[in-house]
């Protein structure tokens, strides 16, 4: 499929000069955008106003692709995490999170435990592809040195009552994985709207042919009925 493209800044969307509702799908390119407390301007990945615009877009059946290195870590306030989970359908997991893994010996059924540390990698698999993204400093392209683990956020059924059967809730799912096994991207295909959220900048995918193939797959997921 071929697509016509228009581009603008996220500030243009937040200000209302550009309405996302006029487009079949929106690609929000956050790159390395975040507010670290040291910049002179409020350089937030999702300002409160932009969050409201995205909520409105979703409520009207929008199709949204988001990529960047700080989608989760730049959104730590309770209301921000609520936006991530309920609208973008992701739950941020800091790199280095420790998990306890239990294994059962099939011979004598004894249970053993070991620590497992959640990590990312420069290689990603998904959509039938295995590819790498730029994660070291280079003169040719900026590097995504802090990719994030974004897990699917379980969606609760807010419509069911004690006397009614729970409705079929569409759950988001892991669409890409780092080769360490952690989640690199989350997709949601609901009857209300669709999202595809990546834990690293899309434009950092190194190979051009692979980059084009990944984008084609994402747009097909977002736009085809």
N, C-alpha and C. Protein backbone atom coordinates (compact mmCIF):
# COMPACT_ATOMS: atom_id res chain seq x y z
N UNK A 1 0.83 -1.19 0.00
CA UNK A 1 0.00 0.00 0.00
C UNK A 1 0.87 1.24 0.00
N UNK A 2 0.34 2.34 -0.57
CA UNK A 2 1.05 3.61 -0.57
C UNK A 2 0.29 4.60 0.29
N UNK A 3 1.04 5.45 0.99
CA UNK A 3 0.42 6.38 1.91
C UNK A 3 0.90 7.80 1.61
N UNK A 4 -0.01 8.76 1.71
CA UNK A 4 0.36 10.16 1.63
C UNK A 4 0.76 10.61 3.03
N UNK A 5 1.79 11.45 3.13
CA UNK A 5 2.36 11.80 4.43
C UNK A 5 2.37 13.32 4.62
N UNK A 6 2.01 13.76 5.80
CA UNK A 6 2.16 15.14 6.22
C UNK A 6 2.86 15.12 7.57
N UNK A 7 3.68 16.12 7.85
CA UNK A 7 4.42 16.13 9.12
C UNK A 7 4.24 17.46 9.83
N UNK A 8 4.33 17.41 11.16
CA UNK A 8 4.25 18.62 11.98
C UNK A 8 4.90 18.31 13.32
N UNK A 9 5.08 19.33 14.13
CA UNK A 9 5.62 19.13 15.47
C UNK A 9 4.51 18.69 16.43
N UNK A 10 4.90 18.08 17.52
CA UNK A 10 3.91 17.70 18.53
C UNK A 10 3.29 18.95 19.16
N UNK A 11 4.05 20.06 19.16
CA UNK A 11 3.51 21.31 19.69
C UNK A 11 2.33 21.80 18.85
N UNK A 12 2.40 21.54 17.53
CA UNK A 12 1.29 21.95 16.66
C UNK A 12 0.03 21.17 16.99
N UNK A 13 0.20 19.90 17.37
CA UNK A 13 -0.95 19.09 17.78
C UNK A 13 -1.48 19.56 19.12
N UNK A 14 -0.57 19.78 20.07
CA UNK A 14 -0.98 20.21 21.40
C UNK A 14 -1.69 21.55 21.37
N UNK A 15 -1.26 22.45 20.49
CA UNK A 15 -1.86 23.78 20.40
C UNK A 15 -3.22 23.76 19.71
N UNK A 16 -3.51 22.67 19.00
CA UNK A 16 -4.77 22.58 18.27
C UNK A 16 -4.68 23.05 16.84
N UNK A 17 -3.50 23.48 16.39
CA UNK A 17 -3.33 23.93 15.00
C UNK A 17 -3.50 22.77 14.03
N UNK A 18 -3.10 21.58 14.46
CA UNK A 18 -3.27 20.38 13.65
C UNK A 18 -4.13 19.40 14.43
N UNK A 19 -5.17 18.87 13.78
CA UNK A 19 -6.06 17.91 14.42
C UNK A 19 -5.75 16.50 13.89
N UNK A 20 -5.38 15.61 14.78
CA UNK A 20 -5.03 14.25 14.36
C UNK A 20 -6.21 13.52 13.74
N UNK A 21 -7.42 13.92 14.09
CA UNK A 21 -8.61 13.24 13.59
C UNK A 21 -8.73 13.31 12.06
N UNK A 22 -7.99 14.19 11.43
CA UNK A 22 -8.05 14.31 9.99
C UNK A 22 -7.17 13.34 9.24
N UNK A 23 -6.51 12.42 9.99
CA UNK A 23 -5.55 11.51 9.37
C UNK A 23 -5.89 10.05 9.71
N UNK A 24 -5.57 9.18 8.77
CA UNK A 24 -5.87 7.75 8.94
C UNK A 24 -5.05 7.15 10.07
N UNK A 25 -3.81 7.60 10.22
CA UNK A 25 -2.94 7.13 11.29
C UNK A 25 -1.94 8.22 11.63
N UNK A 26 -1.43 8.18 12.85
CA UNK A 26 -0.46 9.18 13.31
C UNK A 26 0.77 8.46 13.85
N UNK A 27 1.95 8.93 13.44
CA UNK A 27 3.23 8.41 13.91
C UNK A 27 3.88 9.47 14.78
N UNK A 28 3.88 9.23 16.08
CA UNK A 28 4.47 10.18 17.03
C UNK A 28 5.93 9.78 17.27
N UNK A 29 6.84 10.58 16.75
CA UNK A 29 8.27 10.27 16.80
C UNK A 29 8.88 11.03 17.99
N UNK A 30 9.04 10.35 19.12
CA UNK A 30 9.57 11.01 20.31
C UNK A 30 11.10 10.94 20.40
N UNK A 31 11.71 10.01 19.70
CA UNK A 31 13.18 9.94 19.70
C UNK A 31 13.74 9.85 21.11
N UNK A 32 14.56 10.84 21.48
CA UNK A 32 15.16 10.88 22.82
C UNK A 32 14.50 11.95 23.69
N UNK A 33 13.30 12.36 23.30
CA UNK A 33 12.63 13.44 24.02
C UNK A 33 12.24 13.01 25.43
N UNK A 34 12.58 13.86 26.39
CA UNK A 34 12.20 13.64 27.79
C UNK A 34 12.50 14.91 28.57
N UNK A 35 11.95 15.01 29.75
CA UNK A 35 12.26 16.14 30.64
C UNK A 35 13.16 15.63 31.76
N UNK A 36 14.43 16.05 31.74
CA UNK A 36 15.39 15.56 32.74
C UNK A 36 15.62 16.54 33.88
N UNK A 37 14.92 17.68 33.86
CA UNK A 37 15.07 18.65 34.94
C UNK A 37 16.19 19.65 34.73
N UNK A 38 16.97 19.48 33.67
CA UNK A 38 18.11 20.36 33.43
C UNK A 38 17.90 21.29 32.24
N UNK A 39 16.98 20.97 31.37
CA UNK A 39 16.75 21.80 30.20
C UNK A 39 15.98 23.06 30.59
N UNK A 40 16.18 24.13 29.81
CA UNK A 40 15.51 25.39 30.11
C UNK A 40 14.03 25.33 29.76
N UNK A 41 13.67 24.48 28.78
CA UNK A 41 12.28 24.34 28.40
C UNK A 41 11.71 23.03 28.95
N UNK A 42 10.39 22.99 29.07
CA UNK A 42 9.71 21.79 29.55
C UNK A 42 9.63 20.81 28.38
N UNK A 43 10.66 20.00 28.24
CA UNK A 43 10.81 19.11 27.08
C UNK A 43 10.28 17.73 27.42
N UNK A 44 8.98 17.65 27.65
CA UNK A 44 8.34 16.41 28.11
C UNK A 44 7.89 15.59 26.91
N UNK A 45 8.02 14.25 27.02
CA UNK A 45 7.59 13.39 25.92
C UNK A 45 6.08 13.48 25.70
N UNK A 46 5.30 13.51 26.78
CA UNK A 46 3.85 13.67 26.69
C UNK A 46 3.42 14.74 27.69
N UNK A 47 3.25 15.96 27.23
CA UNK A 47 2.75 17.02 28.11
C UNK A 47 1.29 16.72 28.44
N UNK A 48 0.77 17.30 29.51
CA UNK A 48 -0.65 17.08 29.83
C UNK A 48 -1.58 17.42 28.67
N UNK A 49 -1.27 18.50 27.94
CA UNK A 49 -2.13 18.88 26.81
C UNK A 49 -2.04 17.85 25.70
N UNK A 50 -0.83 17.36 25.40
CA UNK A 50 -0.69 16.35 24.36
C UNK A 50 -1.39 15.06 24.77
N UNK A 51 -1.34 14.71 26.04
CA UNK A 51 -2.07 13.54 26.52
C UNK A 51 -3.56 13.68 26.23
N UNK A 52 -4.10 14.86 26.48
CA UNK A 52 -5.52 15.09 26.22
C UNK A 52 -5.84 14.95 24.73
N UNK A 53 -4.96 15.45 23.87
CA UNK A 53 -5.18 15.34 22.42
C UNK A 53 -5.18 13.87 22.00
N UNK A 54 -4.28 13.10 22.56
CA UNK A 54 -4.19 11.67 22.21
C UNK A 54 -5.42 10.93 22.72
N UNK A 55 -5.88 11.27 23.92
CA UNK A 55 -7.10 10.65 24.46
C UNK A 55 -8.29 10.92 23.54
N UNK A 56 -8.42 12.17 23.09
CA UNK A 56 -9.51 12.52 22.19
C UNK A 56 -9.40 11.74 20.88
N UNK A 57 -8.18 11.63 20.37
CA UNK A 57 -7.93 10.89 19.12
C UNK A 57 -8.34 9.43 19.28
N UNK A 58 -7.96 8.85 20.42
CA UNK A 58 -8.31 7.45 20.68
C UNK A 58 -9.81 7.26 20.80
N UNK A 59 -10.48 8.17 21.48
CA UNK A 59 -11.92 8.06 21.68
C UNK A 59 -12.69 8.15 20.36
N UNK A 60 -12.05 8.72 19.34
CA UNK A 60 -12.68 8.84 18.03
C UNK A 60 -12.15 7.80 17.04
N UNK A 61 -11.57 6.71 17.58
CA UNK A 61 -11.15 5.60 16.74
C UNK A 61 -9.79 5.77 16.08
N UNK A 62 -8.91 6.57 16.67
CA UNK A 62 -7.61 6.85 16.07
C UNK A 62 -6.70 5.65 15.99
N UNK A 63 -5.71 5.74 15.12
CA UNK A 63 -4.68 4.71 14.95
C UNK A 63 -3.34 5.39 15.21
N UNK A 64 -2.59 4.91 16.20
CA UNK A 64 -1.42 5.65 16.68
C UNK A 64 -0.19 4.76 16.82
N UNK A 65 0.93 5.22 16.23
CA UNK A 65 2.24 4.62 16.42
C UNK A 65 3.08 5.57 17.26
N UNK A 66 3.67 5.06 18.33
CA UNK A 66 4.55 5.85 19.19
C UNK A 66 5.88 5.13 19.32
N UNK A 67 6.98 5.86 19.14
CA UNK A 67 8.30 5.27 19.40
C UNK A 67 9.19 6.29 20.09
N UNK A 68 10.11 5.80 20.89
CA UNK A 68 11.02 6.67 21.62
C UNK A 68 11.71 5.91 22.73
N UNK A 69 12.72 6.55 23.31
CA UNK A 69 13.53 5.89 24.34
C UNK A 69 13.03 6.13 25.76
N UNK A 70 12.12 7.10 25.95
CA UNK A 70 11.76 7.46 27.32
C UNK A 70 10.24 7.52 27.55
N UNK A 71 9.50 6.75 26.79
CA UNK A 71 8.05 6.75 26.94
C UNK A 71 7.62 6.40 28.36
N UNK A 72 8.28 5.41 28.95
CA UNK A 72 7.91 4.97 30.30
C UNK A 72 8.59 5.75 31.40
N UNK A 73 9.91 5.91 31.30
CA UNK A 73 10.67 6.54 32.38
C UNK A 73 10.38 8.02 32.52
N UNK A 74 9.86 8.66 31.47
CA UNK A 74 9.52 10.09 31.53
C UNK A 74 8.11 10.31 32.06
N UNK A 75 7.42 9.21 32.37
CA UNK A 75 6.01 9.30 32.79
C UNK A 75 5.85 8.53 34.10
N UNK A 76 6.32 9.11 35.20
CA UNK A 76 6.34 8.40 36.47
C UNK A 76 5.28 8.83 37.46
N UNK A 77 4.67 9.99 37.25
CA UNK A 77 3.59 10.43 38.15
C UNK A 77 2.40 9.49 38.00
N UNK A 78 1.57 9.43 39.02
CA UNK A 78 0.44 8.49 39.01
C UNK A 78 -0.48 8.73 37.81
N UNK A 79 -0.80 9.98 37.53
CA UNK A 79 -1.68 10.29 36.41
C UNK A 79 -1.02 9.94 35.09
N UNK A 80 0.30 10.10 35.00
CA UNK A 80 1.02 9.77 33.78
C UNK A 80 1.04 8.26 33.54
N UNK A 81 1.25 7.49 34.60
CA UNK A 81 1.22 6.05 34.47
C UNK A 81 -0.18 5.55 34.12
N UNK A 82 -1.18 6.25 34.61
CA UNK A 82 -2.56 5.92 34.27
C UNK A 82 -2.79 6.12 32.77
N UNK A 83 -2.22 7.19 32.21
CA UNK A 83 -2.32 7.46 30.78
C UNK A 83 -1.62 6.37 29.98
N UNK A 84 -0.44 5.97 30.42
CA UNK A 84 0.29 4.90 29.73
C UNK A 84 -0.52 3.62 29.70
N UNK A 85 -1.08 3.24 30.83
CA UNK A 85 -1.79 1.97 30.92
C UNK A 85 -3.14 1.96 30.24
N UNK A 86 -3.91 3.02 30.43
CA UNK A 86 -5.29 3.02 29.92
C UNK A 86 -5.40 3.49 28.47
N UNK A 87 -4.47 4.35 28.04
CA UNK A 87 -4.57 4.88 26.67
C UNK A 87 -3.56 4.22 25.74
N UNK A 88 -2.28 4.23 26.12
CA UNK A 88 -1.26 3.61 25.27
C UNK A 88 -1.14 2.11 25.49
N UNK A 89 -1.76 1.60 26.57
CA UNK A 89 -1.82 0.16 26.85
C UNK A 89 -0.45 -0.45 27.20
N UNK A 90 0.44 0.33 27.79
CA UNK A 90 1.76 -0.19 28.15
C UNK A 90 2.04 0.01 29.63
N UNK A 91 2.90 -0.85 30.15
CA UNK A 91 3.37 -0.74 31.53
C UNK A 91 4.90 -0.77 31.50
N UNK A 92 5.51 0.25 32.03
CA UNK A 92 6.96 0.40 32.00
C UNK A 92 7.63 -0.48 33.03
N UNK A 93 8.67 -1.19 32.62
CA UNK A 93 9.48 -2.01 33.53
C UNK A 93 10.93 -1.53 33.45
N UNK A 94 11.46 -0.94 34.52
CA UNK A 94 12.83 -0.44 34.48
C UNK A 94 13.83 -1.56 34.19
N UNK A 95 14.81 -1.26 33.37
CA UNK A 95 15.88 -2.22 33.11
C UNK A 95 16.61 -2.51 34.42
N UNK A 96 16.90 -3.76 34.66
CA UNK A 96 17.56 -4.14 35.91
C UNK A 96 16.60 -4.66 36.96
N UNK A 97 15.29 -4.65 36.65
CA UNK A 97 14.29 -5.19 37.59
C UNK A 97 14.59 -6.67 37.85
N UNK A 98 14.57 -7.05 39.12
CA UNK A 98 14.89 -8.43 39.49
C UNK A 98 13.61 -9.24 39.66
N UNK A 99 13.61 -10.42 39.07
CA UNK A 99 12.50 -11.36 39.21
C UNK A 99 13.02 -12.67 39.81
N UNK A 100 12.15 -13.34 40.56
CA UNK A 100 12.47 -14.65 41.09
C UNK A 100 11.88 -15.70 40.15
N UNK A 101 12.74 -16.56 39.61
CA UNK A 101 12.29 -17.61 38.70
C UNK A 101 12.39 -18.95 39.40
N UNK A 102 11.29 -19.70 39.39
CA UNK A 102 11.26 -21.02 40.02
C UNK A 102 11.32 -22.11 38.95
N UNK A 103 12.10 -23.12 39.19
CA UNK A 103 12.17 -24.27 38.29
C UNK A 103 11.91 -25.54 39.10
N UNK A 104 11.28 -26.51 38.48
CA UNK A 104 10.95 -27.77 39.14
C UNK A 104 11.75 -28.89 38.48
N UNK A 105 12.48 -29.63 39.28
CA UNK A 105 13.25 -30.76 38.78
C UNK A 105 12.28 -31.89 38.42
N UNK A 106 12.24 -32.34 37.16
CA UNK A 106 11.29 -33.39 36.77
C UNK A 106 11.58 -34.74 37.40
N UNK A 107 12.80 -34.92 37.92
CA UNK A 107 13.17 -36.21 38.52
C UNK A 107 12.59 -36.38 39.91
N UNK A 108 12.76 -35.35 40.75
CA UNK A 108 12.31 -35.50 42.14
C UNK A 108 11.33 -34.39 42.57
N UNK A 109 10.93 -33.54 41.61
CA UNK A 109 9.94 -32.47 41.86
C UNK A 109 10.42 -31.42 42.85
N UNK A 110 11.70 -31.36 43.11
CA UNK A 110 12.21 -30.31 43.98
C UNK A 110 12.16 -28.97 43.25
N UNK A 111 11.89 -27.91 44.01
CA UNK A 111 11.77 -26.56 43.45
C UNK A 111 13.02 -25.75 43.81
N UNK A 112 13.59 -25.13 42.81
CA UNK A 112 14.75 -24.25 43.03
C UNK A 112 14.43 -22.86 42.52
N UNK A 113 15.08 -21.88 43.09
CA UNK A 113 14.84 -20.49 42.70
C UNK A 113 16.14 -19.83 42.26
N UNK A 114 16.01 -18.89 41.33
CA UNK A 114 17.15 -18.11 40.89
C UNK A 114 16.68 -16.70 40.52
N UNK A 115 17.61 -15.76 40.60
CA UNK A 115 17.29 -14.39 40.23
C UNK A 115 17.38 -14.23 38.71
N UNK A 116 16.46 -13.45 38.16
CA UNK A 116 16.48 -13.12 36.74
C UNK A 116 16.40 -11.60 36.62
N UNK A 117 17.34 -10.99 35.90
CA UNK A 117 17.40 -9.55 35.75
C UNK A 117 16.85 -9.16 34.38
N UNK A 118 15.88 -8.24 34.36
CA UNK A 118 15.28 -7.79 33.10
C UNK A 118 16.24 -6.86 32.37
N UNK A 119 16.62 -7.22 31.16
CA UNK A 119 17.55 -6.40 30.38
C UNK A 119 17.05 -6.25 28.94
N UNK A 120 17.63 -5.27 28.25
CA UNK A 120 17.34 -5.08 26.83
C UNK A 120 18.54 -5.55 26.02
N UNK A 121 18.44 -5.42 24.70
CA UNK A 121 19.54 -5.78 23.80
C UNK A 121 19.45 -4.90 22.57
N UNK A 122 20.50 -4.88 21.78
CA UNK A 122 20.50 -4.07 20.56
C UNK A 122 19.84 -4.81 19.40
N UNK A 123 19.45 -6.05 19.62
CA UNK A 123 18.77 -6.84 18.60
C UNK A 123 17.32 -7.07 19.02
N UNK A 124 16.42 -6.98 18.05
CA UNK A 124 14.99 -7.10 18.30
C UNK A 124 14.40 -8.08 17.30
N UNK A 125 13.43 -8.86 17.76
CA UNK A 125 12.72 -9.77 16.87
C UNK A 125 11.22 -9.49 16.93
N UNK A 126 10.61 -9.52 15.77
CA UNK A 126 9.18 -9.25 15.67
C UNK A 126 8.77 -9.12 14.23
N UNK A 127 7.51 -9.41 13.93
CA UNK A 127 7.00 -9.35 12.56
C UNK A 127 7.77 -10.26 11.62
N UNK A 128 8.25 -11.36 12.16
CA UNK A 128 9.00 -12.31 11.36
C UNK A 128 10.39 -11.85 11.00
N UNK A 129 10.89 -10.82 11.69
CA UNK A 129 12.20 -10.26 11.38
C UNK A 129 13.09 -10.26 12.62
N UNK A 130 14.38 -10.29 12.39
CA UNK A 130 15.38 -10.09 13.43
C UNK A 130 16.25 -8.93 12.96
N UNK A 131 16.29 -7.86 13.74
CA UNK A 131 17.01 -6.68 13.28
C UNK A 131 17.70 -5.97 14.45
N UNK A 132 18.56 -5.03 14.10
CA UNK A 132 19.29 -4.25 15.09
C UNK A 132 18.94 -2.77 14.95
N UNK A 133 19.05 -2.06 16.05
CA UNK A 133 18.87 -0.62 16.03
C UNK A 133 20.15 0.04 16.55
N UNK A 134 20.33 1.30 16.19
CA UNK A 134 21.54 2.04 16.57
C UNK A 134 21.54 2.30 18.07
N UNK A 135 22.47 1.69 18.79
CA UNK A 135 22.51 1.90 20.24
C UNK A 135 23.89 2.33 20.74
N UNK A 136 24.80 2.62 19.81
CA UNK A 136 26.11 3.16 20.17
C UNK A 136 26.31 4.46 19.40
N UNK A 137 27.04 5.40 19.99
CA UNK A 137 27.24 6.70 19.38
C UNK A 137 27.92 6.56 18.03
N UNK A 138 27.44 7.34 17.07
CA UNK A 138 27.94 7.26 15.71
C UNK A 138 27.87 8.63 15.07
N UNK A 139 28.75 8.86 14.09
CA UNK A 139 28.73 10.12 13.35
C UNK A 139 27.58 10.16 12.35
N UNK A 140 26.99 9.00 12.06
CA UNK A 140 25.94 8.92 11.04
C UNK A 140 24.54 9.08 11.60
N UNK A 141 24.32 8.64 12.85
CA UNK A 141 22.96 8.66 13.39
C UNK A 141 23.01 8.70 14.90
N UNK A 142 22.02 9.35 15.49
CA UNK A 142 21.99 9.37 16.95
C UNK A 142 21.70 7.98 17.49
N UNK A 143 22.09 7.74 18.74
CA UNK A 143 22.00 6.40 19.31
C UNK A 143 20.92 6.32 20.39
N UNK A 144 20.19 5.22 20.38
CA UNK A 144 19.22 4.93 21.43
C UNK A 144 19.95 4.14 22.51
N UNK A 145 20.64 4.84 23.40
CA UNK A 145 21.46 4.17 24.41
C UNK A 145 20.65 3.71 25.63
N UNK A 146 19.39 4.15 25.73
CA UNK A 146 18.55 3.75 26.86
C UNK A 146 17.19 3.24 26.37
N UNK A 147 17.18 2.12 25.65
CA UNK A 147 15.89 1.54 25.24
C UNK A 147 15.10 1.08 26.46
N UNK A 148 13.80 1.00 26.30
CA UNK A 148 12.96 0.66 27.44
C UNK A 148 12.23 -0.67 27.25
N UNK A 149 11.93 -1.28 28.38
CA UNK A 149 11.06 -2.46 28.39
C UNK A 149 9.64 -1.98 28.62
N UNK A 150 8.78 -2.19 27.63
CA UNK A 150 7.38 -1.81 27.73
C UNK A 150 6.54 -3.07 27.64
N UNK A 151 5.86 -3.40 28.72
CA UNK A 151 5.02 -4.60 28.76
C UNK A 151 3.56 -4.25 28.48
N UNK A 152 2.78 -5.22 27.99
CA UNK A 152 1.35 -4.98 27.82
C UNK A 152 0.69 -4.72 29.18
N UNK A 153 -0.14 -3.69 29.24
CA UNK A 153 -0.86 -3.36 30.47
C UNK A 153 -2.20 -4.08 30.45
N UNK A 154 -2.42 -4.96 31.38
CA UNK A 154 -3.67 -5.72 31.44
C UNK A 154 -4.85 -4.76 31.59
N UNK A 155 -5.88 -4.97 30.77
CA UNK A 155 -7.05 -4.10 30.77
C UNK A 155 -8.18 -4.71 31.60
N UNK A 156 -8.69 -3.93 32.53
CA UNK A 156 -9.77 -4.41 33.39
C UNK A 156 -11.11 -4.17 32.72
N UNK A 157 -12.07 -5.01 33.04
CA UNK A 157 -13.42 -4.87 32.52
C UNK A 157 -14.18 -3.92 33.45
N UNK A 158 -14.44 -2.72 32.95
CA UNK A 158 -15.14 -1.72 33.77
C UNK A 158 -16.65 -1.72 33.53
N UNK A 159 -17.11 -2.61 32.64
CA UNK A 159 -18.54 -2.63 32.31
C UNK A 159 -19.30 -3.74 33.02
N UNK A 160 -18.58 -4.75 33.48
CA UNK A 160 -19.25 -5.91 34.09
C UNK A 160 -19.79 -5.57 35.48
N UNK A 161 -20.91 -6.14 35.82
CA UNK A 161 -21.47 -6.02 37.16
C UNK A 161 -21.62 -7.40 37.74
N UNK A 162 -22.03 -7.48 38.99
CA UNK A 162 -22.17 -8.77 39.64
C UNK A 162 -23.21 -9.64 38.94
N UNK A 163 -24.19 -9.01 38.31
CA UNK A 163 -25.27 -9.77 37.68
C UNK A 163 -25.08 -9.95 36.18
N UNK A 164 -23.97 -9.44 35.66
CA UNK A 164 -23.75 -9.51 34.21
C UNK A 164 -22.47 -10.28 33.91
N UNK A 165 -22.47 -10.92 32.76
CA UNK A 165 -21.27 -11.62 32.32
C UNK A 165 -20.22 -10.60 31.88
N UNK A 166 -18.94 -10.83 32.22
CA UNK A 166 -17.90 -9.90 31.79
C UNK A 166 -17.85 -9.85 30.26
N UNK A 167 -17.71 -8.64 29.72
CA UNK A 167 -17.60 -8.51 28.27
C UNK A 167 -16.21 -8.94 27.83
N UNK A 168 -16.08 -9.24 26.56
CA UNK A 168 -14.79 -9.69 26.02
C UNK A 168 -13.87 -8.49 25.89
N UNK A 169 -12.91 -8.40 26.78
CA UNK A 169 -11.97 -7.29 26.77
C UNK A 169 -10.79 -7.63 25.87
N UNK A 170 -10.48 -6.76 24.93
CA UNK A 170 -9.32 -6.94 24.06
C UNK A 170 -8.08 -6.54 24.83
N UNK A 171 -7.11 -7.42 24.91
CA UNK A 171 -5.89 -7.15 25.65
C UNK A 171 -4.75 -6.79 24.69
N UNK A 172 -3.90 -5.86 25.09
CA UNK A 172 -2.71 -5.57 24.30
C UNK A 172 -1.74 -6.74 24.37
N UNK A 173 -0.79 -6.80 23.46
CA UNK A 173 0.14 -7.92 23.44
C UNK A 173 1.54 -7.46 23.02
N UNK A 174 2.53 -8.25 23.38
CA UNK A 174 3.90 -7.96 22.98
C UNK A 174 4.06 -8.23 21.49
N UNK A 175 4.45 -7.19 20.74
CA UNK A 175 4.59 -7.31 19.29
C UNK A 175 6.05 -7.45 18.85
N UNK A 176 6.96 -7.03 19.71
CA UNK A 176 8.40 -7.19 19.45
C UNK A 176 9.09 -7.53 20.76
N UNK A 177 10.18 -8.28 20.66
CA UNK A 177 10.97 -8.63 21.84
C UNK A 177 12.44 -8.34 21.59
N UNK A 178 13.11 -7.85 22.64
CA UNK A 178 14.57 -7.84 22.59
C UNK A 178 15.03 -9.29 22.63
N UNK A 179 16.21 -9.56 22.14
CA UNK A 179 16.67 -10.95 22.11
C UNK A 179 16.97 -11.48 23.51
N UNK A 180 16.85 -10.64 24.52
CA UNK A 180 16.94 -11.10 25.91
C UNK A 180 15.60 -11.67 26.38
N UNK A 181 14.55 -11.50 25.56
CA UNK A 181 13.24 -12.04 25.91
C UNK A 181 12.28 -11.02 26.49
N UNK A 182 12.75 -9.80 26.77
CA UNK A 182 11.87 -8.78 27.32
C UNK A 182 11.11 -8.07 26.20
N UNK A 183 10.03 -7.40 26.57
CA UNK A 183 9.13 -6.79 25.59
C UNK A 183 9.67 -5.47 25.06
N UNK A 184 9.76 -5.36 23.74
CA UNK A 184 10.28 -4.15 23.10
C UNK A 184 9.18 -3.29 22.49
N UNK A 185 8.00 -3.85 22.25
CA UNK A 185 6.89 -3.10 21.67
C UNK A 185 5.58 -3.76 22.05
N UNK A 186 4.55 -2.94 22.19
CA UNK A 186 3.23 -3.42 22.57
C UNK A 186 2.21 -2.94 21.54
N UNK A 187 1.34 -3.84 21.12
CA UNK A 187 0.29 -3.51 20.15
C UNK A 187 -1.08 -3.73 20.76
N UNK A 188 -2.00 -2.90 20.34
CA UNK A 188 -3.39 -3.02 20.81
C UNK A 188 -4.31 -2.83 19.61
N UNK A 189 -5.20 -3.78 19.40
CA UNK A 189 -6.15 -3.72 18.28
C UNK A 189 -7.55 -3.91 18.82
N UNK A 190 -8.09 -2.84 19.37
CA UNK A 190 -9.42 -2.91 19.94
C UNK A 190 -10.47 -2.48 18.94
N UNK A 191 -11.72 -2.65 19.33
CA UNK A 191 -12.82 -2.18 18.49
C UNK A 191 -12.92 -0.67 18.56
N UNK A 192 -12.32 -0.07 19.60
CA UNK A 192 -12.40 1.37 19.78
C UNK A 192 -11.28 2.11 19.04
N UNK A 193 -10.04 1.66 19.18
CA UNK A 193 -8.91 2.28 18.49
C UNK A 193 -7.72 1.33 18.50
N UNK A 194 -6.61 1.73 17.87
CA UNK A 194 -5.44 0.86 17.78
C UNK A 194 -4.18 1.64 18.12
N UNK A 195 -3.23 0.95 18.76
CA UNK A 195 -1.94 1.56 19.07
C UNK A 195 -0.81 0.57 18.82
N UNK A 196 0.36 1.12 18.57
CA UNK A 196 1.59 0.33 18.47
C UNK A 196 2.67 1.19 19.10
N UNK A 197 3.20 0.75 20.25
CA UNK A 197 4.13 1.57 21.03
C UNK A 197 5.45 0.83 21.18
N UNK A 198 6.54 1.48 20.74
CA UNK A 198 7.88 0.88 20.74
C UNK A 198 8.75 1.47 21.84
N UNK A 199 9.59 0.64 22.45
CA UNK A 199 10.47 1.07 23.53
C UNK A 199 11.79 1.65 23.06
N UNK A 200 11.94 1.85 21.78
CA UNK A 200 13.14 2.48 21.21
C UNK A 200 12.71 3.27 19.98
N UNK A 201 13.49 4.24 19.54
CA UNK A 201 13.07 5.04 18.38
C UNK A 201 13.05 4.22 17.10
N UNK A 202 11.93 4.29 16.40
CA UNK A 202 11.79 3.54 15.15
C UNK A 202 12.90 3.90 14.17
N UNK A 203 13.24 5.17 14.07
CA UNK A 203 14.21 5.62 13.08
C UNK A 203 15.63 5.14 13.36
N UNK A 204 15.84 4.53 14.52
CA UNK A 204 17.16 3.98 14.84
C UNK A 204 17.38 2.58 14.28
N UNK A 205 16.35 1.98 13.70
CA UNK A 205 16.54 0.68 13.04
C UNK A 205 17.58 0.88 11.94
N UNK A 206 18.64 0.10 11.95
CA UNK A 206 19.81 0.38 11.12
C UNK A 206 19.57 0.12 9.64
N UNK A 207 19.08 -1.05 9.31
CA UNK A 207 18.95 -1.43 7.91
C UNK A 207 17.71 -0.78 7.27
N UNK A 208 17.90 -0.07 6.17
CA UNK A 208 16.80 0.67 5.55
C UNK A 208 15.69 -0.26 5.06
N UNK A 209 16.06 -1.36 4.43
CA UNK A 209 15.06 -2.30 3.93
C UNK A 209 14.24 -2.87 5.08
N UNK A 210 14.90 -3.21 6.16
CA UNK A 210 14.20 -3.72 7.34
C UNK A 210 13.30 -2.64 7.93
N UNK A 211 13.81 -1.43 8.00
CA UNK A 211 13.03 -0.31 8.53
C UNK A 211 11.75 -0.11 7.72
N UNK A 212 11.87 -0.17 6.42
CA UNK A 212 10.69 -0.02 5.56
C UNK A 212 9.71 -1.17 5.77
N UNK A 213 10.25 -2.39 5.93
CA UNK A 213 9.40 -3.55 6.15
C UNK A 213 8.65 -3.48 7.47
N UNK A 214 9.34 -3.01 8.51
CA UNK A 214 8.70 -2.88 9.82
C UNK A 214 7.59 -1.83 9.76
N UNK A 215 7.88 -0.70 9.12
CA UNK A 215 6.86 0.34 9.02
C UNK A 215 5.65 -0.15 8.23
N UNK A 216 5.90 -0.88 7.14
CA UNK A 216 4.79 -1.42 6.34
C UNK A 216 3.93 -2.35 7.18
N UNK A 217 4.56 -3.18 8.00
CA UNK A 217 3.82 -4.11 8.86
C UNK A 217 3.01 -3.38 9.92
N UNK A 218 3.59 -2.34 10.51
CA UNK A 218 2.88 -1.58 11.53
C UNK A 218 1.68 -0.85 10.94
N UNK A 219 1.88 -0.21 9.77
CA UNK A 219 0.77 0.50 9.14
C UNK A 219 -0.34 -0.46 8.72
N UNK A 220 0.03 -1.65 8.28
CA UNK A 220 -0.98 -2.64 7.93
C UNK A 220 -1.79 -3.03 9.16
N UNK A 221 -1.09 -3.22 10.28
CA UNK A 221 -1.77 -3.56 11.54
C UNK A 221 -2.71 -2.43 11.97
N UNK A 222 -2.27 -1.19 11.83
CA UNK A 222 -3.04 -0.07 12.30
C UNK A 222 -4.24 0.27 11.41
N UNK A 223 -4.09 0.10 10.10
CA UNK A 223 -5.09 0.65 9.19
C UNK A 223 -6.00 -0.36 8.51
N UNK A 224 -5.53 -1.60 8.32
CA UNK A 224 -6.37 -2.55 7.59
C UNK A 224 -7.46 -3.12 8.50
N UNK A 225 -8.66 -3.25 7.93
CA UNK A 225 -9.78 -3.78 8.70
C UNK A 225 -9.76 -5.31 8.70
